[in-house]
C-alpha cells in the first residue's frame, strides 16, 4: 500500500472513530472530525501532511517509488 492510499485509509478511520466517540462518549469529539477535515483540506492546497511524513519515516513508499520499482 502506498502513502497516498494509506492517507485515505487513515483519514477515513479517524473520521469514523471521531463520529463514534462523538456519539457514545462526548459531543466535543466532533472537533476531532473538524480537525481531520481541515487537515485534509489544507493538505490538498499546500501538500503538507504530517501523517504522510510519519508514514514515509515508517518506510511506506509513495506511488512514484512503487512505480519505479516495477
PDB file of N, CA and C in Angstrom:
ATOM      1  N   UNK A   1       0.848  -1.175   0.000  1.00  0.00           N
ATOM      2  CA  UNK A   1       0.000   0.000   0.000  1.00  0.00           C
ATOM      3  C   UNK A   1       0.893   1.238   0.000  1.00  0.00           C
ATOM      4  N   UNK A   2       0.522   2.214  -0.801  1.00  0.00           N
ATOM      5  CA  UNK A   2       1.309   3.434  -0.925  1.00  0.00           C
ATOM      6  C   UNK A   2       0.929   4.440   0.165  1.00  0.00           C
ATOM      7  N   UNK A   3       1.761   5.458   0.287  1.00  0.00           N
ATOM      8  CA  UNK A   3       1.499   6.532   1.248  1.00  0.00           C
ATOM      9  C   UNK A   3       0.162   7.200   0.934  1.00  0.00           C
ATOM     10  N   UNK A   4      -0.079   7.453  -0.353  1.00  0.00           N
ATOM     11  CA  UNK A   4      -1.305   8.134  -0.749  1.00  0.00           C
ATOM     12  C   UNK A   4      -2.547   7.343  -0.342  1.00  0.00           C
ATOM     13  N   UNK A   5      -2.536   6.053  -0.589  1.00  0.00           N
ATOM     14  CA  UNK A   5      -3.678   5.219  -0.207  1.00  0.00           C
ATOM     15  C   UNK A   5      -3.771   5.088   1.317  1.00  0.00           C
ATOM     16  N   UNK A   6      -2.641   5.045   1.974  1.00  0.00           N
ATOM     17  CA  UNK A   6      -2.625   4.967   3.434  1.00  0.00           C
ATOM     18  C   UNK A   6      -3.238   6.214   4.062  1.00  0.00           C
ATOM     19  N   UNK A   7      -3.002   7.362   3.457  1.00  0.00           N
ATOM     20  CA  UNK A   7      -3.583   8.610   3.955  1.00  0.00           C
ATOM     21  C   UNK A   7      -5.098   8.558   3.880  1.00  0.00           C
ATOM     22  N   UNK A   8      -5.635   8.075   2.737  1.00  0.00           N
ATOM     23  CA  UNK A   8      -7.088   7.945   2.604  1.00  0.00           C
ATOM     24  C   UNK A   8      -7.647   7.008   3.669  1.00  0.00           C
ATOM     25  N   UNK A   9      -6.979   5.882   3.881  1.00  0.00           N
ATOM     26  CA  UNK A   9      -7.442   4.907   4.869  1.00  0.00           C
ATOM     27  C   UNK A   9      -7.386   5.491   6.281  1.00  0.00           C
ATOM     28  N   UNK A  10      -6.293   6.169   6.597  1.00  0.00           N
ATOM     29  CA  UNK A  10      -6.129   6.754   7.921  1.00  0.00           C
ATOM     30  C   UNK A  10      -7.164   7.853   8.173  1.00  0.00           C
ATOM     31  N   UNK A  11      -7.376   8.711   7.176  1.00  0.00           N
ATOM     32  CA  UNK A  11      -8.354   9.793   7.327  1.00  0.00           C
ATOM     33  C   UNK A  11      -9.763   9.228   7.503  1.00  0.00           C
ATOM     34  N   UNK A  12     -10.109   8.229   6.719  1.00  0.00           N
ATOM     35  CA  UNK A  12     -11.422   7.600   6.860  1.00  0.00           C
ATOM     36  C   UNK A  12     -11.613   6.970   8.220  1.00  0.00           C
ATOM     37  N   UNK A  13     -10.571   6.285   8.705  1.00  0.00           N
ATOM     38  CA  UNK A  13     -10.630   5.677  10.033  1.00  0.00           C
ATOM     39  C   UNK A  13     -10.807   6.733  11.114  1.00  0.00           C
ATOM     40  N   UNK A  14     -10.065   7.841  11.006  1.00  0.00           N
ATOM     41  CA  UNK A  14     -10.157   8.897  12.016  1.00  0.00           C
ATOM     42  C   UNK A  14     -11.536   9.553  12.016  1.00  0.00           C
ATOM     43  N   UNK A  15     -12.125   9.757  10.847  1.00  0.00           N
ATOM     44  CA  UNK A  15     -13.463  10.337  10.784  1.00  0.00           C
ATOM     45  C   UNK A  15     -14.476   9.401  11.433  1.00  0.00           C
ATOM     46  N   UNK A  16     -14.410   8.120  11.098  1.00  0.00           N
ATOM     47  CA  UNK A  16     -15.353   7.161  11.681  1.00  0.00           C
ATOM     48  C   UNK A  16     -15.164   7.057  13.195  1.00  0.00           C
ATOM     49  N   UNK A  17     -13.905   7.009  13.637  1.00  0.00           N
ATOM     50  CA  UNK A  17     -13.620   6.944  15.074  1.00  0.00           C
ATOM     51  C   UNK A  17     -14.154   8.177  15.797  1.00  0.00           C
ATOM     52  N   UNK A  18     -13.921   9.352  15.227  1.00  0.00           N
ATOM     53  CA  UNK A  18     -14.378  10.571  15.894  1.00  0.00           C
ATOM     54  C   UNK A  18     -15.902  10.648  15.937  1.00  0.00           C
ATOM     55  N   UNK A  19     -16.569  10.154  14.903  1.00  0.00           N
ATOM     56  CA  UNK A  19     -18.031  10.137  14.933  1.00  0.00           C
ATOM     57  C   UNK A  19     -18.554   9.171  15.996  1.00  0.00           C
ATOM     58  N   UNK A  20     -17.907   8.029  16.127  1.00  0.00           N
ATOM     59  CA  UNK A  20     -18.302   7.093  17.187  1.00  0.00           C
ATOM     60  C   UNK A  20     -18.063   7.691  18.572  1.00  0.00           C
ATOM     61  N   UNK A  21     -16.907   8.330  18.749  1.00  0.00           N
ATOM     62  CA  UNK A  21     -16.607   8.958  20.038  1.00  0.00           C
ATOM     63  C   UNK A  21     -17.592  10.075  20.341  1.00  0.00           C
ATOM     64  N   UNK A  22     -17.964  10.849  19.308  1.00  0.00           N
ATOM     65  CA  UNK A  22     -18.939  11.927  19.494  1.00  0.00           C
ATOM     66  C   UNK A  22     -20.282  11.361  19.933  1.00  0.00           C
ATOM     67  N   UNK A  23     -20.686  10.270  19.323  1.00  0.00           N
ATOM     68  CA  UNK A  23     -21.987   9.671  19.623  1.00  0.00           C
ATOM     69  C   UNK A  23     -22.025   9.009  20.992  1.00  0.00           C
ATOM     70  N   UNK A  24     -20.980   8.263  21.329  1.00  0.00           N
ATOM     71  CA  UNK A  24     -21.034   7.419  22.523  1.00  0.00           C
ATOM     72  C   UNK A  24     -20.242   7.924  23.724  1.00  0.00           C
ATOM     73  N   UNK A  25     -19.353   8.893  23.534  1.00  0.00           N
ATOM     74  CA  UNK A  25     -18.529   9.350  24.661  1.00  0.00           C
ATOM     75  C   UNK A  25     -18.867  10.786  25.050  1.00  0.00           C
ATOM     76  N   UNK A  26     -18.609  11.735  24.127  1.00  0.00           N
ATOM     77  CA  UNK A  26     -18.852  13.148  24.449  1.00  0.00           C
ATOM     78  C   UNK A  26     -19.005  13.933  23.156  1.00  0.00           C
ATOM     79  N   UNK A  27     -19.961  14.854  23.109  1.00  0.00           N
ATOM     80  CA  UNK A  27     -20.198  15.632  21.882  1.00  0.00           C
ATOM     81  C   UNK A  27     -19.013  16.476  21.417  1.00  0.00           C
ATOM     82  N   UNK A  28     -18.107  16.821  22.311  1.00  0.00           N
ATOM     83  CA  UNK A  28     -16.966  17.646  21.907  1.00  0.00           C
ATOM     84  C   UNK A  28     -15.966  16.909  21.024  1.00  0.00           C
ATOM     85  N   UNK A  29     -16.108  15.599  20.879  1.00  0.00           N
ATOM     86  CA  UNK A  29     -15.234  14.874  19.957  1.00  0.00           C
ATOM     87  C   UNK A  29     -15.513  15.243  18.508  1.00  0.00           C
ATOM     88  N   UNK A  30     -16.575  15.989  18.256  1.00  0.00           N
ATOM     89  CA  UNK A  30     -16.855  16.477  16.907  1.00  0.00           C
ATOM     90  C   UNK A  30     -15.713  17.364  16.416  1.00  0.00           C
ATOM     91  N   UNK A  31     -14.980  17.974  17.341  1.00  0.00           N
ATOM     92  CA  UNK A  31     -13.839  18.811  16.970  1.00  0.00           C
ATOM     93  C   UNK A  31     -12.721  17.991  16.339  1.00  0.00           C
ATOM     94  N   UNK A  32     -12.610  16.730  16.705  1.00  0.00           N
ATOM     95  CA  UNK A  32     -11.627  15.853  16.061  1.00  0.00           C
ATOM     96  C   UNK A  32     -11.997  15.662  14.598  1.00  0.00           C
ATOM     97  N   UNK A  33     -13.290  15.485  14.325  1.00  0.00           N
ATOM     98  CA  UNK A  33     -13.756  15.367  12.944  1.00  0.00           C
ATOM     99  C   UNK A  33     -13.432  16.638  12.172  1.00  0.00           C
ATOM    100  N   UNK A  34     -13.680  17.780  12.783  1.00  0.00           N
ATOM    101  CA  UNK A  34     -13.385  19.062  12.136  1.00  0.00           C
ATOM    102  C   UNK A  34     -11.887  19.216  11.869  1.00  0.00           C
ATOM    103  N   UNK A  35     -11.057  18.790  12.802  1.00  0.00           N
ATOM    104  CA  UNK A  35      -9.607  18.874  12.620  1.00  0.00           C
ATOM    105  C   UNK A  35      -9.148  18.005  11.463  1.00  0.00           C
ATOM    106  N   UNK A  36      -9.658  16.785  11.375  1.00  0.00           N
ATOM    107  CA  UNK A  36      -9.282  15.880  10.280  1.00  0.00           C
ATOM    108  C   UNK A  36      -9.692  16.486   8.942  1.00  0.00           C
ATOM    109  N   UNK A  37     -10.910  17.013   8.875  1.00  0.00           N
ATOM    110  CA  UNK A  37     -11.373  17.640   7.644  1.00  0.00           C
ATOM    111  C   UNK A  37     -10.544  18.846   7.254  1.00  0.00           C
ATOM    112  N   UNK A  38     -10.221  19.688   8.226  1.00  0.00           N
ATOM    113  CA  UNK A  38      -9.400  20.874   7.951  1.00  0.00           C
ATOM    114  C   UNK A  38      -8.004  20.478   7.491  1.00  0.00           C
ATOM    115  N   UNK A  39      -7.445  19.445   8.081  1.00  0.00           N
ATOM    116  CA  UNK A  39      -6.125  18.968   7.688  1.00  0.00           C
ATOM    117  C   UNK A  39      -6.148  18.433   6.261  1.00  0.00           C
ATOM    118  N   UNK A  40      -7.179  17.680   5.908  1.00  0.00           N
ATOM    119  CA  UNK A  40      -7.297  17.186   4.533  1.00  0.00           C
ATOM    120  C   UNK A  40      -7.429  18.343   3.549  1.00  0.00           C
ATOM    121  N   UNK A  41      -8.218  19.331   3.915  1.00  0.00           N
ATOM    122  CA  UNK A  41      -8.436  20.489   3.041  1.00  0.00           C
ATOM    123  C   UNK A  41      -7.142  21.266   2.812  1.00  0.00           C
ATOM    124  N   UNK A  42      -6.427  21.574   3.885  1.00  0.00           N
ATOM    125  CA  UNK A  42      -5.199  22.350   3.722  1.00  0.00           C
ATOM    126  C   UNK A  42      -4.120  21.545   3.004  1.00  0.00           C
ATOM    127  N   UNK A  43      -4.059  20.241   3.223  1.00  0.00           N
ATOM    128  CA  UNK A  43      -3.032  19.443   2.547  1.00  0.00           C
ATOM    129  C   UNK A  43      -3.286  19.348   1.049  1.00  0.00           C
ATOM    130  N   UNK A  44      -4.545  19.481   0.622  1.00  0.00           N
ATOM    131  CA  UNK A  44      -4.850  19.479  -0.806  1.00  0.00           C
ATOM    132  C   UNK A  44      -4.231  20.696  -1.500  1.00  0.00           C
ATOM    133  N   UNK A  45      -4.106  21.800  -0.784  1.00  0.00           N
ATOM    134  CA  UNK A  45      -3.563  23.021  -1.372  1.00  0.00           C
ATOM    135  C   UNK A  45      -2.069  23.202  -1.122  1.00  0.00           C
ATOM    136  N   UNK A  46      -1.595  22.768   0.038  1.00  0.00           N
ATOM    137  CA  UNK A  46      -0.198  23.018   0.395  1.00  0.00           C
ATOM    138  C   UNK A  46       0.708  21.830   0.149  1.00  0.00           C
ATOM    139  N   UNK A  47       0.140  20.618   0.156  1.00  0.00           N
ATOM    140  CA  UNK A  47       0.957  19.417   0.014  1.00  0.00           C
ATOM    141  C   UNK A  47       1.591  18.982   1.322  1.00  0.00           C
ATOM    142  N   UNK A  48       1.365  19.735   2.391  1.00  0.00           N
ATOM    143  CA  UNK A  48       1.933  19.393   3.696  1.00  0.00           C
ATOM    144  C   UNK A  48       0.957  18.506   4.466  1.00  0.00           C
ATOM    145  N   UNK A  49       1.413  17.301   4.817  1.00  0.00           N
ATOM    146  CA  UNK A  49       0.587  16.376   5.579  1.00  0.00           C
ATOM    147  C   UNK A  49       1.463  15.666   6.613  1.00  0.00           C
ATOM    148  N   UNK A  50       1.270  15.978   7.895  1.00  0.00           N
ATOM    149  CA  UNK A  50       2.088  15.348   8.932  1.00  0.00           C
ATOM    150  C   UNK A  50       1.976  13.821   8.930  1.00  0.00           C
ATOM    151  N   UNK A  51       0.785  13.299   8.652  1.00  0.00           N
ATOM    152  CA  UNK A  51       0.616  11.838   8.631  1.00  0.00           C
ATOM    153  C   UNK A  51       1.440  11.217   7.511  1.00  0.00           C
ATOM    154  N   UNK A  52       1.510  11.866   6.357  1.00  0.00           N
ATOM    155  CA  UNK A  52       2.314  11.354   5.243  1.00  0.00           C
ATOM    156  C   UNK A  52       3.793  11.346   5.605  1.00  0.00           C
ATOM    157  N   UNK A  53       4.236  12.384   6.283  1.00  0.00           N
ATOM    158  CA  UNK A  53       5.634  12.430   6.703  1.00  0.00           C
ATOM    159  C   UNK A  53       5.953  11.282   7.650  1.00  0.00           C
ATOM    160  N   UNK A  54       5.042  11.013   8.574  1.00  0.00           N
ATOM    161  CA  UNK A  54       5.237   9.913   9.514  1.00  0.00           C
ATOM    162  C   UNK A  54       5.246   8.571   8.793  1.00  0.00           C
ATOM    163  N   UNK A  55       4.352   8.398   7.845  1.00  0.00           N
ATOM    164  CA  UNK A  55       4.281   7.133   7.101  1.00  0.00           C
ATOM    165  C   UNK A  55       5.533   6.906   6.264  1.00  0.00           C
ATOM    166  N   UNK A  56       6.073   7.968   5.693  1.00  0.00           N
ATOM    167  CA  UNK A  56       7.320   7.837   4.931  1.00  0.00           C
ATOM    168  C   UNK A  56       8.463   7.410   5.844  1.00  0.00           C
ATOM    169  N   UNK A  57       8.507   7.972   7.055  1.00  0.00           N
ATOM    170  CA  UNK A  57       9.546   7.577   8.013  1.00  0.00           C
ATOM    171  C   UNK A  57       9.383   6.135   8.458  1.00  0.00           C
ATOM    172  N   UNK A  58       8.143   5.635   8.412  1.00  0.00           N
ATOM    173  CA  UNK A  58       7.886   4.241   8.775  1.00  0.00           C
ATOM    174  C   UNK A  58       8.243   3.287   7.635  1.00  0.00           C
ATOM    175  N   UNK A  59       8.610   3.836   6.483  1.00  0.00           N
ATOM    176  CA  UNK A  59       9.054   3.005   5.374  1.00  0.00           C
ATOM    177  C   UNK A  59       8.006   2.715   4.314  1.00  0.00           C
ATOM    178  N   UNK A  60       6.850   3.337   4.407  1.00  0.00           N
ATOM    179  CA  UNK A  60       5.828   3.144   3.382  1.00  0.00           C
ATOM    180  C   UNK A  60       6.228   3.964   2.155  1.00  0.00           C
ATOM    181  N   UNK A  61       6.177   3.351   0.995  1.00  0.00           N
ATOM    182  CA  UNK A  61       6.623   4.001  -0.233  1.00  0.00           C
ATOM    183  C   UNK A  61       5.490   4.776  -0.909  1.00  0.00           C
ATOM    184  N   UNK A  62       5.867   5.828  -1.641  1.00  0.00           N
ATOM    185  CA  UNK A  62       4.893   6.607  -2.395  1.00  0.00           C
ATOM    186  C   UNK A  62       4.542   5.866  -3.682  1.00  0.00           C
ATOM    187  N   UNK A  63       3.485   6.342  -4.366  1.00  0.00           N
ATOM    188  CA  UNK A  63       3.089   5.757  -5.657  1.00  0.00           C
ATOM    189  C   UNK A  63       4.238   5.834  -6.650  1.00  0.00           C
ATOM    190  N   UNK A  64       4.951   6.962  -6.664  1.00  0.00           N
ATOM    191  CA  UNK A  64       6.060   7.131  -7.604  1.00  0.00           C
ATOM    192  C   UNK A  64       7.187   6.135  -7.321  1.00  0.00           C
ATOM    193  N   UNK A  65       7.496   5.939  -6.053  1.00  0.00           N
ATOM    194  CA  UNK A  65       8.546   4.965  -5.705  1.00  0.00           C
ATOM    195  C   UNK A  65       8.132   3.548  -6.074  1.00  0.00           C
ATOM    196  N   UNK A  66       6.875   3.216  -5.868  1.00  0.00           N
ATOM    197  CA  UNK A  66       6.394   1.884  -6.246  1.00  0.00           C
ATOM    198  C   UNK A  66       6.420   1.689  -7.757  1.00  0.00           C
ATOM    199  N   UNK A  67       6.112   2.744  -8.524  1.00  0.00           N
ATOM    200  CA  UNK A  67       6.122   2.651  -9.974  1.00  0.00           C
ATOM    201  C   UNK A  67       7.554   2.454 -10.493  1.00  0.00           C
ATOM    202  N   UNK A  68       8.528   3.109  -9.872  1.00  0.00           N
ATOM    203  CA  UNK A  68       9.922   2.962 -10.284  1.00  0.00           C
ATOM    204  C   UNK A  68      10.450   1.559 -10.016  1.00  0.00           C
ATOM    205  N   UNK A  69       9.886   0.901  -9.010  1.00  0.00           N
ATOM    206  CA  UNK A  69      10.348  -0.438  -8.644  1.00  0.00           C
ATOM    207  C   UNK A  69       9.893  -1.502  -9.651  1.00  0.00           C
ATOM    208  N   UNK A  70       8.859  -1.198 -10.429  1.00  0.00           N
ATOM    209  CA  UNK A  70       8.328  -2.182 -11.394  1.00  0.00           C
ATOM    210  C   UNK A  70       9.167  -2.315 -12.612  1.00  0.00           C
TER     211      UNK A  70
END
